[in-house]
Amino acid sequence: MQFNKSFHSLVEKKYETFSKLFLELPFDEIGDLGIQLLELNESCQKYLKQNKTPQEIIQEFFEINNYTEEAIQQKSLVRLIQFLERQVALFDALEDAAFSDLHDLKGTGTLANFLQKVHQTNKQVELKKLLANYKTRIVLTAHPTQFYPNTVLGIIRDLTETVSANKSPEQKEILDLLLQMGKTSFSNHNKPTPIDEANSLLWYLENIFYEIFPNIQQDINKATDNNLTNIELGFWPGGDRDGNPFVTHQVTESVSNLLHDKIISLYLQDFDKLLKKLTFPGIYQELLNIQSKLKSQEFSCSEELLDNLVLLRNTLI
């Protein structure tokens, strides 16, 4: 019951407010779209109970609005679909913003709760032994056409962060994001290639998994005095050699290079952050040297880079 009350205040009520704002923004031909949505919703609820087909329900909607020409009917449906897509994206952003308020991030079933129980029962040694022969491999496989384009994902993320900062719905930052969402395409005009699919999933790698996985592994290592890696990430696009005629060895190589370049760019971003913090003699210059070698790809393998960083960390300590 408490969850339902919180969801209503944190998500549903905000959605109602934002949705009204959305209808007031200066979009082309938005006109009486809000009224049409209400009419379509009422028609769906009424005629579904009468076992009418979707085609019959839509035809009834056209008759209510006196849409007799096929071109006008198609244009009307496209406008409704475009608006509903953006309403769903708006709801997703509000739900994401409220997630930490609606869920106990350290409660039953979470990693934090599990590790706390391990500590309370002095099972660290047993857990460490189990982890020595255990790994979790997360494989990114979802087809990107099932999800939002990267441009829309970025808007949802920014909107989530802005709402989480308790910005008023009428504030300029939120209105600008709603307007941007309304003007941004939600569809892919061309069928995505395997390279396109890889680029789409890279958004999740860069903006979600790259930040989350190290934190999870670090929590496990701290709790068990463990230096192993128990989480791995797999990548399906460009590597699905199961008969897909569009995935050739050239595509696999291209995606591999794409992943390599992306992870290097993320490492270099982290180096820039470290250089702002580690400004000490004997540390700063060596960090610059490691960064330079990474840029010029002088490291033969990831272990060599890691060895350099571990030596620098020991010096810092």
C-alpha atoms as a PDB file:
ATOM      1  CA  MET A   1       0.000   0.000   0.000  1.00  0.00           C
ATOM      2  CA  GLN A   2       2.819   2.397   0.906  1.00  0.00           C
ATOM      3  CA  PHE A   3       4.537   1.643  -2.409  1.00  0.00           C
ATOM      4  CA  ASN A   4       1.334   2.471  -4.305  1.00  0.00           C
ATOM      5  CA  LYS A   5       1.005   5.813  -2.482  1.00  0.00           C
ATOM      6  CA  SER A   6       4.624   6.701  -3.152  1.00  0.00           C
ATOM      7  CA  PHE A   7       4.377   5.660  -6.813  1.00  0.00           C
ATOM      8  CA  HIS A   8       1.286   7.824  -7.195  1.00  0.00           C
ATOM      9  CA  SER A   9       2.968  10.921  -5.761  1.00  0.00           C
ATOM     10  CA  LEU A  10       6.441  10.435  -7.250  1.00  0.00           C
ATOM     11  CA  VAL A  11       5.505   9.168 -10.715  1.00  0.00           C
ATOM     12  CA  GLU A  12       1.812   9.326 -11.613  1.00  0.00           C
ATOM     13  CA  LYS A  13       1.081  12.860 -10.369  1.00  0.00           C
ATOM     14  CA  LYS A  14       4.292  14.214 -11.889  1.00  0.00           C
ATOM     15  CA  TYR A  15       3.437  12.483 -15.155  1.00  0.00           C
ATOM     16  CA  GLU A  16       0.043  14.210 -15.238  1.00  0.00           C
ATOM     17  CA  THR A  17       1.733  17.590 -14.735  1.00  0.00           C
ATOM     18  CA  PHE A  18       4.464  16.973 -17.304  1.00  0.00           C
ATOM     19  CA  SER A  19       1.976  15.579 -19.803  1.00  0.00           C
ATOM     20  CA  LYS A  20      -0.081  18.775 -19.654  1.00  0.00           C
ATOM     21  CA  LEU A  21       3.076  20.827 -20.162  1.00  0.00           C
ATOM     22  CA  PHE A  22       3.937  18.663 -23.149  1.00  0.00           C
ATOM     23  CA  LEU A  23       0.651  19.558 -24.830  1.00  0.00           C
ATOM     24  CA  GLU A  24       1.317  23.274 -24.288  1.00  0.00           C
ATOM     25  CA  LEU A  25       4.726  23.283 -25.997  1.00  0.00           C
ATOM     26  CA  PRO A  26       4.975  24.855 -29.487  1.00  0.00           C
ATOM     27  CA  PHE A  27       4.950  21.670 -31.570  1.00  0.00           C
ATOM     28  CA  ASP A  28       3.724  21.691 -35.150  1.00  0.00           C
ATOM     29  CA  GLU A  29       0.014  20.857 -35.557  1.00  0.00           C
ATOM     30  CA  ILE A  30      -0.407  19.774 -31.943  1.00  0.00           C
ATOM     31  CA  GLY A  31      -3.840  21.429 -31.940  1.00  0.00           C
ATOM     32  CA  ASP A  32      -6.501  19.277 -30.290  1.00  0.00           C
ATOM     33  CA  LEU A  33      -4.236  16.235 -29.922  1.00  0.00           C
ATOM     34  CA  GLY A  34      -5.018  15.938 -26.209  1.00  0.00           C
ATOM     35  CA  ILE A  35      -8.742  15.746 -26.911  1.00  0.00           C
ATOM     36  CA  GLN A  36      -8.195  13.175 -29.661  1.00  0.00           C
ATOM     37  CA  LEU A  37      -6.182  10.993 -27.288  1.00  0.00           C
ATOM     38  CA  LEU A  38      -9.022  11.058 -24.766  1.00  0.00           C
ATOM     39  CA  GLU A  39     -11.516  10.154 -27.497  1.00  0.00           C
ATOM     40  CA  LEU A  40      -9.358   7.285 -28.715  1.00  0.00           C
ATOM     41  CA  ASN A  41      -8.891   6.008 -25.165  1.00  0.00           C
ATOM     42  CA  GLU A  42     -12.641   6.071 -24.524  1.00  0.00           C
ATOM     43  CA  SER A  43     -13.318   4.313 -27.832  1.00  0.00           C
ATOM     44  CA  CYS A  44     -10.780   1.600 -27.030  1.00  0.00           C
ATOM     45  CA  GLN A  45     -12.260   0.937 -23.574  1.00  0.00           C
ATOM     46  CA  LYS A  46     -15.834   0.988 -24.858  1.00  0.00           C
ATOM     47  CA  TYR A  47     -15.476  -1.119 -27.988  1.00  0.00           C
ATOM     48  CA  LEU A  48     -12.983  -3.650 -26.663  1.00  0.00           C
ATOM     49  CA  LYS A  49     -15.687  -4.688 -24.189  1.00  0.00           C
ATOM     50  CA  GLN A  50     -17.932  -5.217 -27.203  1.00  0.00           C
ATOM     51  CA  ASN A  51     -15.288  -7.488 -28.782  1.00  0.00           C
ATOM     52  CA  LYS A  52     -14.709  -5.147 -31.711  1.00  0.00           C
ATOM     53  CA  THR A  53     -11.487  -5.504 -33.695  1.00  0.00           C
ATOM     54  CA  PRO A  54      -8.729  -2.864 -33.638  1.00  0.00           C
ATOM     55  CA  GLN A  55      -9.627  -1.969 -37.219  1.00  0.00           C
ATOM     56  CA  GLU A  56     -13.246  -1.337 -36.214  1.00  0.00           C
ATOM     57  CA  ILE A  57     -12.194   0.770 -33.216  1.00  0.00           C
ATOM     58  CA  ILE A  58      -9.894   2.953 -35.317  1.00  0.00           C
ATOM     59  CA  GLN A  59     -12.594   3.341 -37.952  1.00  0.00           C
ATOM     60  CA  GLU A  60     -15.000   4.503 -35.239  1.00  0.00           C
ATOM     61  CA  PHE A  61     -12.387   7.047 -34.130  1.00  0.00           C
ATOM     62  CA  PHE A  62     -12.127   8.351 -37.714  1.00  0.00           C
ATOM     63  CA  GLU A  63     -15.904   8.734 -37.931  1.00  0.00           C
ATOM     64  CA  ILE A  64     -16.062  10.648 -34.633  1.00  0.00           C
ATOM     65  CA  ASN A  65     -13.519  13.148 -35.974  1.00  0.00           C
ATOM     66  CA  ASN A  66     -14.991  13.156 -39.480  1.00  0.00           C
ATOM     67  CA  TYR A  67     -11.762  11.942 -41.060  1.00  0.00           C
ATOM     68  CA  THR A  68     -12.950  10.624 -44.405  1.00  0.00           C
ATOM     69  CA  GLU A  69      -9.840  11.006 -46.574  1.00  0.00           C
ATOM     70  CA  GLU A  70      -7.205   8.274 -46.261  1.00  0.00           C
ATOM     71  CA  ALA A  71      -4.338  10.799 -46.245  1.00  0.00           C
ATOM     72  CA  ILE A  72      -5.870  12.655 -43.296  1.00  0.00           C
ATOM     73  CA  GLN A  73      -6.510   9.376 -41.475  1.00  0.00           C
ATOM     74  CA  GLN A  74      -2.874   8.302 -41.854  1.00  0.00           C
ATOM     75  CA  LYS A  75      -1.563  11.713 -40.786  1.00  0.00           C
ATOM     76  CA  SER A  76      -3.775  11.646 -37.704  1.00  0.00           C
ATOM     77  CA  LEU A  77      -2.566   8.192 -36.650  1.00  0.00           C
ATOM     78  CA  VAL A  78       1.081   9.151 -37.196  1.00  0.00           C
ATOM     79  CA  ARG A  79       0.648  12.226 -34.971  1.00  0.00           C
ATOM     80  CA  LEU A  80      -0.988  10.158 -32.239  1.00  0.00           C
ATOM     81  CA  ILE A  81       1.716   7.481 -32.365  1.00  0.00           C
ATOM     82  CA  GLN A  82       4.488  10.081 -32.268  1.00  0.00           C
ATOM     83  CA  PHE A  83       2.942  11.753 -29.252  1.00  0.00           C
ATOM     84  CA  LEU A  84       2.330   8.463 -27.429  1.00  0.00           C
ATOM     85  CA  GLU A  85       5.960   7.420 -28.024  1.00  0.00           C
ATOM     86  CA  ARG A  86       7.100  10.570 -26.279  1.00  0.00           C
ATOM     87  CA  GLN A  87       4.613  10.091 -23.451  1.00  0.00           C
ATOM     88  CA  VAL A  88       6.055   6.619 -22.812  1.00  0.00           C
ATOM     89  CA  ALA A  89       9.602   8.032 -22.830  1.00  0.00           C
ATOM     90  CA  LEU A  90       8.513  10.749 -20.389  1.00  0.00           C
ATOM     91  CA  PHE A  91       6.985   8.140 -18.058  1.00  0.00           C
ATOM     92  CA  ASP A  92      10.199   6.079 -18.254  1.00  0.00           C
ATOM     93  CA  ALA A  93      12.269   9.105 -17.232  1.00  0.00           C
ATOM     94  CA  LEU A  94      10.003   9.905 -14.268  1.00  0.00           C
ATOM     95  CA  GLU A  95       9.998   6.275 -13.152  1.00  0.00           C
ATOM     96  CA  ASP A  96      13.806   6.134 -13.346  1.00  0.00           C
ATOM     97  CA  ALA A  97      14.079   9.360 -11.349  1.00  0.00           C
ATOM     98  CA  ALA A  98      11.914   7.894  -8.571  1.00  0.00           C
ATOM     99  CA  PHE A  99      13.564   4.454  -8.497  1.00  0.00           C
ATOM    100  CA  SER A 100      15.788   5.018  -5.463  1.00  0.00           C
ATOM    101  CA  ASP A 101      12.838   6.515  -3.533  1.00  0.00           C
ATOM    102  CA  LEU A 102      10.556   3.593  -4.394  1.00  0.00           C
ATOM    103  CA  HIS A 103      13.046   0.790  -3.728  1.00  0.00           C
ATOM    104  CA  ASP A 104      15.345  -0.045  -0.857  1.00  0.00           C
ATOM    105  CA  LEU A 105      18.709  -0.237  -2.630  1.00  0.00           C
ATOM    106  CA  LYS A 106      20.220  -2.044   0.350  1.00  0.00           C
ATOM    107  CA  GLY A 107      17.225  -4.210   1.211  1.00  0.00           C
ATOM    108  CA  THR A 108      16.521  -7.915   0.908  1.00  0.00           C
ATOM    109  CA  GLY A 109      17.770  -9.408  -2.339  1.00  0.00           C
ATOM    110  CA  THR A 110      20.371  -6.725  -3.032  1.00  0.00           C
ATOM    111  CA  LEU A 111      24.123  -7.289  -3.152  1.00  0.00           C
ATOM    112  CA  ALA A 112      24.624  -4.857  -0.253  1.00  0.00           C
ATOM    113  CA  ASN A 113      22.231  -6.853   1.922  1.00  0.00           C
ATOM    114  CA  PHE A 114      23.885 -10.148   0.966  1.00  0.00           C
ATOM    115  CA  LEU A 115      27.405  -8.903   1.743  1.00  0.00           C
ATOM    116  CA  GLN A 116      26.196  -7.514   5.055  1.00  0.00           C
ATOM    117  CA  LYS A 117      24.859 -10.949   5.993  1.00  0.00           C
ATOM    118  CA  VAL A 118      28.192 -12.508   4.985  1.00  0.00           C
ATOM    119  CA  HIS A 119      29.977 -10.099   7.317  1.00  0.00           C
ATOM    120  CA  GLN A 120      27.530 -10.643  10.190  1.00  0.00           C
ATOM    121  CA  THR A 121      27.903 -14.440   9.987  1.00  0.00           C
ATOM    122  CA  ASN A 122      31.687 -14.351   9.404  1.00  0.00           C
ATOM    123  CA  LYS A 123      31.394 -16.214   6.096  1.00  0.00           C
ATOM    124  CA  GLN A 124      33.979 -14.112   4.216  1.00  0.00           C
ATOM    125  CA  VAL A 125      36.435 -17.002   3.819  1.00  0.00           C
ATOM    126  CA  GLU A 126      33.744 -19.376   2.529  1.00  0.00           C
ATOM    127  CA  LEU A 127      32.496 -16.771   0.056  1.00  0.00           C
ATOM    128  CA  LYS A 128      36.031 -16.096  -1.172  1.00  0.00           C
ATOM    129  CA  LYS A 129      36.508 -19.832  -1.863  1.00  0.00           C
ATOM    130  CA  LEU A 130      33.246 -19.956  -3.805  1.00  0.00           C
ATOM    131  CA  LEU A 131      34.156 -16.866  -5.849  1.00  0.00           C
ATOM    132  CA  ALA A 132      37.459 -18.459  -6.872  1.00  0.00           C
ATOM    133  CA  ASN A 133      35.446 -20.761  -9.167  1.00  0.00           C
ATOM    134  CA  TYR A 134      32.558 -18.467 -10.061  1.00  0.00           C
ATOM    135  CA  LYS A 135      31.959 -15.819 -12.722  1.00  0.00           C
ATOM    136  CA  THR A 136      28.965 -13.959 -14.068  1.00  0.00           C
ATOM    137  CA  ARG A 137      29.036 -13.124 -17.768  1.00  0.00           C
ATOM    138  CA  ILE A 138      26.569 -10.481 -18.946  1.00  0.00           C
ATOM    139  CA  VAL A 139      26.052 -10.590 -22.715  1.00  0.00           C
ATOM    140  CA  LEU A 140      24.526  -7.613 -24.537  1.00  0.00           C
ATOM    141  CA  THR A 141      22.245  -9.149 -27.145  1.00  0.00           C
ATOM    142  CA  ALA A 142      19.057  -7.094 -27.450  1.00  0.00           C
ATOM    143  CA  HIS A 143      18.205  -5.822 -30.931  1.00  0.00           C
ATOM    144  CA  PRO A 144      18.416  -2.011 -30.855  1.00  0.00           C
ATOM    145  CA  THR A 145      15.234  -1.552 -32.910  1.00  0.00           C
ATOM    146  CA  GLN A 146      13.355  -2.703 -29.800  1.00  0.00           C
ATOM    147  CA  PHE A 147      14.616   0.305 -27.860  1.00  0.00           C
ATOM    148  CA  TYR A 148      14.999   4.055 -28.097  1.00  0.00           C
ATOM    149  CA  PRO A 149      17.644   5.553 -30.422  1.00  0.00           C
ATOM    150  CA  ASN A 150      20.767   6.841 -28.655  1.00  0.00           C
ATOM    151  CA  THR A 151      19.623  10.442 -29.116  1.00  0.00           C
ATOM    152  CA  VAL A 152      16.418   9.700 -27.202  1.00  0.00           C
ATOM    153  CA  LEU A 153      18.262   7.717 -24.513  1.00  0.00           C
ATOM    154  CA  GLY A 154      20.425  10.769 -23.862  1.00  0.00           C
ATOM    155  CA  ILE A 155      17.346  12.991 -23.448  1.00  0.00           C
ATOM    156  CA  ILE A 156      15.718  10.476 -21.068  1.00  0.00           C
ATOM    157  CA  ARG A 157      18.917  10.349 -18.994  1.00  0.00           C
ATOM    158  CA  ASP A 158      19.139  14.158 -18.806  1.00  0.00           C
ATOM    159  CA  LEU A 159      15.448  14.430 -17.959  1.00  0.00           C
ATOM    160  CA  THR A 160      15.836  11.781 -15.231  1.00  0.00           C
ATOM    161  CA  GLU A 161      18.776  13.646 -13.686  1.00  0.00           C
ATOM    162  CA  THR A 162      16.942  16.982 -13.855  1.00  0.00           C
ATOM    163  CA  VAL A 163      13.810  15.579 -12.216  1.00  0.00           C
ATOM    164  CA  SER A 164      15.944  13.811  -9.570  1.00  0.00           C
ATOM    165  CA  ALA A 165      17.416  17.214  -8.681  1.00  0.00           C
ATOM    166  CA  ASN A 166      13.871  18.254  -7.679  1.00  0.00           C
ATOM    167  CA  LYS A 167      13.569  20.797 -10.438  1.00  0.00           C
ATOM    168  CA  SER A 168      10.121  22.307 -10.833  1.00  0.00           C
ATOM    169  CA  PRO A 169       8.259  21.045 -13.936  1.00  0.00           C
ATOM    170  CA  GLU A 170       7.960  24.636 -15.147  1.00  0.00           C
ATOM    171  CA  GLN A 171      11.712  25.303 -14.977  1.00  0.00           C
ATOM    172  CA  LYS A 172      13.512  26.085 -18.216  1.00  0.00           C
ATOM    173  CA  GLU A 173      15.785  22.997 -18.109  1.00  0.00           C
ATOM    174  CA  ILE A 174      12.804  20.644 -18.094  1.00  0.00           C
ATOM    175  CA  LEU A 175      10.812  22.589 -20.666  1.00  0.00           C
ATOM    176  CA  ASP A 176      13.837  22.604 -22.976  1.00  0.00           C
ATOM    177  CA  LEU A 177      14.235  18.819 -22.619  1.00  0.00           C
ATOM    178  CA  LEU A 178      10.538  18.224 -23.331  1.00  0.00           C
ATOM    179  CA  LEU A 179      10.784  20.440 -26.394  1.00  0.00           C
ATOM    180  CA  GLN A 180      13.943  18.628 -27.512  1.00  0.00           C
ATOM    181  CA  MET A 181      12.193  15.282 -27.080  1.00  0.00           C
ATOM    182  CA  GLY A 182       9.266  16.479 -29.162  1.00  0.00           C
ATOM    183  CA  LYS A 183      11.560  17.497 -32.013  1.00  0.00           C
ATOM    184  CA  THR A 184      13.782  14.376 -31.944  1.00  0.00           C
ATOM    185  CA  SER A 185      13.031  11.371 -34.137  1.00  0.00           C
ATOM    186  CA  PHE A 186      12.135   8.120 -32.354  1.00  0.00           C
ATOM    187  CA  SER A 187      12.526   5.908 -35.415  1.00  0.00           C
ATOM    188  CA  ASN A 188      15.346   4.533 -37.523  1.00  0.00           C
ATOM    189  CA  HIS A 189      14.763   5.427 -41.164  1.00  0.00           C
ATOM    190  CA  ASN A 190      16.972   2.620 -42.433  1.00  0.00           C
ATOM    191  CA  LYS A 191      17.286  -1.007 -41.387  1.00  0.00           C
ATOM    192  CA  PRO A 192      20.241  -1.134 -38.964  1.00  0.00           C
ATOM    193  CA  THR A 193      23.371  -2.988 -40.005  1.00  0.00           C
ATOM    194  CA  PRO A 194      25.319  -5.109 -37.482  1.00  0.00           C
ATOM    195  CA  ILE A 195      27.659  -2.113 -37.085  1.00  0.00           C
ATOM    196  CA  ASP A 196      24.645   0.098 -36.319  1.00  0.00           C
ATOM    197  CA  GLU A 197      23.444  -2.449 -33.759  1.00  0.00           C
ATOM    198  CA  ALA A 198      26.855  -2.457 -32.109  1.00  0.00           C
ATOM    199  CA  ASN A 199      26.928   1.337 -31.955  1.00  0.00           C
ATOM    200  CA  SER A 200      23.476   1.358 -30.367  1.00  0.00           C
ATOM    201  CA  LEU A 201      24.413  -1.111 -27.633  1.00  0.00           C
ATOM    202  CA  LEU A 202      27.643   0.786 -27.004  1.00  0.00           C
ATOM    203  CA  TRP A 203      25.476   3.478 -25.405  1.00  0.00           C
ATOM    204  CA  TYR A 204      24.604   1.063 -22.595  1.00  0.00           C
ATOM    205  CA  LEU A 205      28.208  -0.056 -22.274  1.00  0.00           C
ATOM    206  CA  GLU A 206      29.446   3.529 -21.992  1.00  0.00           C
ATOM    207  CA  ASN A 207      26.692   5.086 -19.884  1.00  0.00           C
ATOM    208  CA  ILE A 208      25.631   2.226 -17.616  1.00  0.00           C
ATOM    209  CA  PHE A 209      27.826  -0.871 -17.406  1.00  0.00           C
ATOM    210  CA  TYR A 210      31.175   0.931 -17.456  1.00  0.00           C
ATOM    211  CA  GLU A 211      30.202   2.752 -14.258  1.00  0.00           C
ATOM    212  CA  ILE A 212      28.253   0.000 -12.505  1.00  0.00           C
ATOM    213  CA  PHE A 213      30.372  -3.141 -12.970  1.00  0.00           C
ATOM    214  CA  PRO A 214      33.548  -1.813 -11.306  1.00  0.00           C
ATOM    215  CA  ASN A 215      31.530  -0.645  -8.300  1.00  0.00           C
ATOM    216  CA  ILE A 216      29.904  -4.063  -7.907  1.00  0.00           C
ATOM    217  CA  GLN A 217      33.241  -5.854  -8.238  1.00  0.00           C
ATOM    218  CA  GLN A 218      34.875  -3.462  -5.778  1.00  0.00           C
ATOM    219  CA  ASP A 219      32.163  -4.121  -3.176  1.00  0.00           C
ATOM    220  CA  ILE A 220      32.676  -7.881  -3.573  1.00  0.00           C
ATOM    221  CA  ASN A 221      36.461  -7.570  -3.334  1.00  0.00           C
ATOM    222  CA  LYS A 222      36.297  -5.412  -0.215  1.00  0.00           C
ATOM    223  CA  ALA A 223      33.944  -7.845   1.499  1.00  0.00           C
ATOM    224  CA  THR A 224      36.070 -10.915   0.728  1.00  0.00           C
ATOM    225  CA  ASP A 225      39.618  -9.540   0.432  1.00  0.00           C
ATOM    226  CA  ASN A 226      39.478 -10.824  -3.127  1.00  0.00           C
ATOM    227  CA  ASN A 227      41.389  -9.497  -6.147  1.00  0.00           C
ATOM    228  CA  LEU A 228      39.709 -11.713  -8.721  1.00  0.00           C
ATOM    229  CA  THR A 229      37.353 -10.563 -11.453  1.00  0.00           C
ATOM    230  CA  ASN A 230      33.949 -12.222 -11.131  1.00  0.00           C
ATOM    231  CA  ILE A 231      32.027 -10.158 -13.689  1.00  0.00           C
ATOM    232  CA  GLU A 232      32.612 -10.278 -17.439  1.00  0.00           C
ATOM    233  CA  LEU A 233      30.841  -8.554 -20.285  1.00  0.00           C
ATOM    234  CA  GLY A 234      30.046 -10.197 -23.614  1.00  0.00           C
ATOM    235  CA  PHE A 235      28.901  -8.475 -26.808  1.00  0.00           C
ATOM    236  CA  TRP A 236      26.698 -10.199 -29.384  1.00  0.00           C
ATOM    237  CA  PRO A 237      26.329  -7.718 -32.328  1.00  0.00           C
ATOM    238  CA  GLY A 238      28.991  -8.396 -34.922  1.00  0.00           C
ATOM    239  CA  GLY A 239      29.829 -11.725 -33.344  1.00  0.00           C
ATOM    240  CA  ASP A 240      26.639 -13.713 -33.988  1.00  0.00           C
ATOM    241  CA  ARG A 241      28.228 -16.215 -36.363  1.00  0.00           C
ATOM    242  CA  ASP A 242      25.101 -18.380 -36.382  1.00  0.00           C
ATOM    243  CA  GLY A 243      24.209 -18.069 -40.040  1.00  0.00           C
ATOM    244  CA  ASN A 244      23.400 -14.354 -40.159  1.00  0.00           C
ATOM    245  CA  PRO A 245      24.488 -13.489 -43.744  1.00  0.00           C
ATOM    246  CA  PHE A 246      25.158  -9.862 -42.783  1.00  0.00           C
ATOM    247  CA  VAL A 247      27.798 -10.805 -40.195  1.00  0.00           C
ATOM    248  CA  THR A 248      31.023 -11.452 -42.043  1.00  0.00           C
ATOM    249  CA  HIS A 249      34.525 -11.714 -40.656  1.00  0.00           C
ATOM    250  CA  GLN A 250      35.065  -8.092 -41.737  1.00  0.00           C
ATOM    251  CA  VAL A 251      32.050  -7.027 -39.655  1.00  0.00           C
ATOM    252  CA  THR A 252      33.313  -8.978 -36.639  1.00  0.00           C
ATOM    253  CA  GLU A 253      36.702  -7.309 -36.975  1.00  0.00           C
ATOM    254  CA  SER A 254      35.101  -3.857 -37.325  1.00  0.00           C
ATOM    255  CA  VAL A 255      32.979  -4.324 -34.205  1.00  0.00           C
ATOM    256  CA  SER A 256      36.005  -5.589 -32.300  1.00  0.00           C
ATOM    257  CA  ASN A 257      37.909  -2.448 -33.278  1.00  0.00           C
ATOM    258  CA  LEU A 258      34.887  -0.355 -32.341  1.00  0.00           C
ATOM    259  CA  LEU A 259      34.802  -1.871 -28.850  1.00  0.00           C
ATOM    260  CA  HIS A 260      38.558  -1.434 -28.485  1.00  0.00           C
ATOM    261  CA  ASP A 261      38.427   2.244 -29.469  1.00  0.00           C
ATOM    262  CA  LYS A 262      35.467   2.929 -27.159  1.00  0.00           C
ATOM    263  CA  ILE A 263      37.041   1.376 -24.075  1.00  0.00           C
ATOM    264  CA  ILE A 264      40.319   3.212 -24.748  1.00  0.00           C
ATOM    265  CA  SER A 265      38.436   6.518 -25.023  1.00  0.00           C
ATOM    266  CA  LEU A 266      36.709   5.802 -21.696  1.00  0.00           C
ATOM    267  CA  TYR A 267      40.062   4.995 -20.071  1.00  0.00           C
ATOM    268  CA  LEU A 268      41.495   8.269 -21.382  1.00  0.00           C
ATOM    269  CA  GLN A 269      38.559  10.173 -19.893  1.00  0.00           C
ATOM    270  CA  ASP A 270      39.360   8.576 -16.542  1.00  0.00           C
ATOM    271  CA  PHE A 271      43.011   9.577 -16.934  1.00  0.00           C
ATOM    272  CA  ASP A 272      41.929  13.197 -17.396  1.00  0.00           C
ATOM    273  CA  LYS A 273      40.038  12.989 -14.102  1.00  0.00           C
ATOM    274  CA  LEU A 274      43.008  11.418 -12.312  1.00  0.00           C
ATOM    275  CA  LEU A 275      45.392  14.103 -13.619  1.00  0.00           C
ATOM    276  CA  LYS A 276      43.259  16.757 -11.943  1.00  0.00           C
ATOM    277  CA  LYS A 277      43.551  14.935  -8.599  1.00  0.00           C
ATOM    278  CA  LEU A 278      47.011  13.356  -8.555  1.00  0.00           C
ATOM    279  CA  THR A 279      49.166  16.450  -8.991  1.00  0.00           C
ATOM    280  CA  PHE A 280      52.016  15.203  -6.774  1.00  0.00           C
ATOM    281  CA  PRO A 281      55.737  14.942  -7.690  1.00  0.00           C
ATOM    282  CA  GLY A 282      56.635  11.459  -8.874  1.00  0.00           C
ATOM    283  CA  ILE A 283      52.991  10.705  -9.619  1.00  0.00           C
ATOM    284  CA  TYR A 284      51.730  13.325 -12.052  1.00  0.00           C
ATOM    285  CA  GLN A 285      54.463  12.919 -14.660  1.00  0.00           C
ATOM    286  CA  GLU A 286      54.298   9.122 -14.539  1.00  0.00           C
ATOM    287  CA  LEU A 287      50.553   9.290 -14.987  1.00  0.00           C
ATOM    288  CA  LEU A 288      51.100  11.472 -18.045  1.00  0.00           C
ATOM    289  CA  ASN A 289      53.540   8.899 -19.405  1.00  0.00           C
ATOM    290  CA  ILE A 290      51.044   6.050 -18.977  1.00  0.00           C
ATOM    291  CA  GLN A 291      48.322   8.149 -20.616  1.00  0.00           C
ATOM    292  CA  SER A 292      50.616   8.915 -23.552  1.00  0.00           C
ATOM    293  CA  LYS A 293      51.446   5.227 -24.041  1.00  0.00           C
ATOM    294  CA  LEU A 294      47.744   4.386 -23.943  1.00  0.00           C
ATOM    295  CA  LYS A 295      46.945   7.029 -26.574  1.00  0.00           C
ATOM    296  CA  SER A 296      49.656   5.709 -28.883  1.00  0.00           C
ATOM    297  CA  GLN A 297      48.601   2.099 -28.137  1.00  0.00           C
ATOM    298  CA  GLU A 298      52.049   1.051 -26.955  1.00  0.00           C
ATOM    299  CA  PHE A 299      50.685  -1.453 -24.432  1.00  0.00           C
ATOM    300  CA  SER A 300      50.730  -4.999 -25.762  1.00  0.00           C
ATOM    301  CA  CYS A 301      47.879  -6.154 -23.494  1.00  0.00           C
ATOM    302  CA  SER A 302      45.580  -4.979 -20.717  1.00  0.00           C
ATOM    303  CA  GLU A 303      47.746  -6.678 -18.078  1.00  0.00           C
ATOM    304  CA  GLU A 304      50.699  -4.469 -19.022  1.00  0.00           C
ATOM    305  CA  LEU A 305      48.595  -1.332 -18.528  1.00  0.00           C
ATOM    306  CA  LEU A 306      47.303  -2.687 -15.225  1.00  0.00           C
ATOM    307  CA  ASP A 307      50.831  -3.473 -14.012  1.00  0.00           C
ATOM    308  CA  ASN A 308      51.871   0.124 -14.679  1.00  0.00           C
ATOM    309  CA  LEU A 309      48.881   1.445 -12.772  1.00  0.00           C
ATOM    310  CA  VAL A 310      49.458  -0.886  -9.814  1.00  0.00           C
ATOM    311  CA  LEU A 311      53.089   0.284  -9.514  1.00  0.00           C
ATOM    312  CA  LEU A 312      51.911   3.891  -9.590  1.00  0.00           C
ATOM    313  CA  ARG A 313      49.256   3.137  -6.974  1.00  0.00           C
ATOM    314  CA  ASN A 314      51.859   1.595  -4.677  1.00  0.00           C
ATOM    315  CA  THR A 315      54.016   4.714  -5.074  1.00  0.00           C
ATOM    316  CA  LEU A 316      51.029   6.904  -4.263  1.00  0.00           C
ATOM    317  CA  ILE A 317      50.255   4.939  -1.107  1.00  0.00           C
END
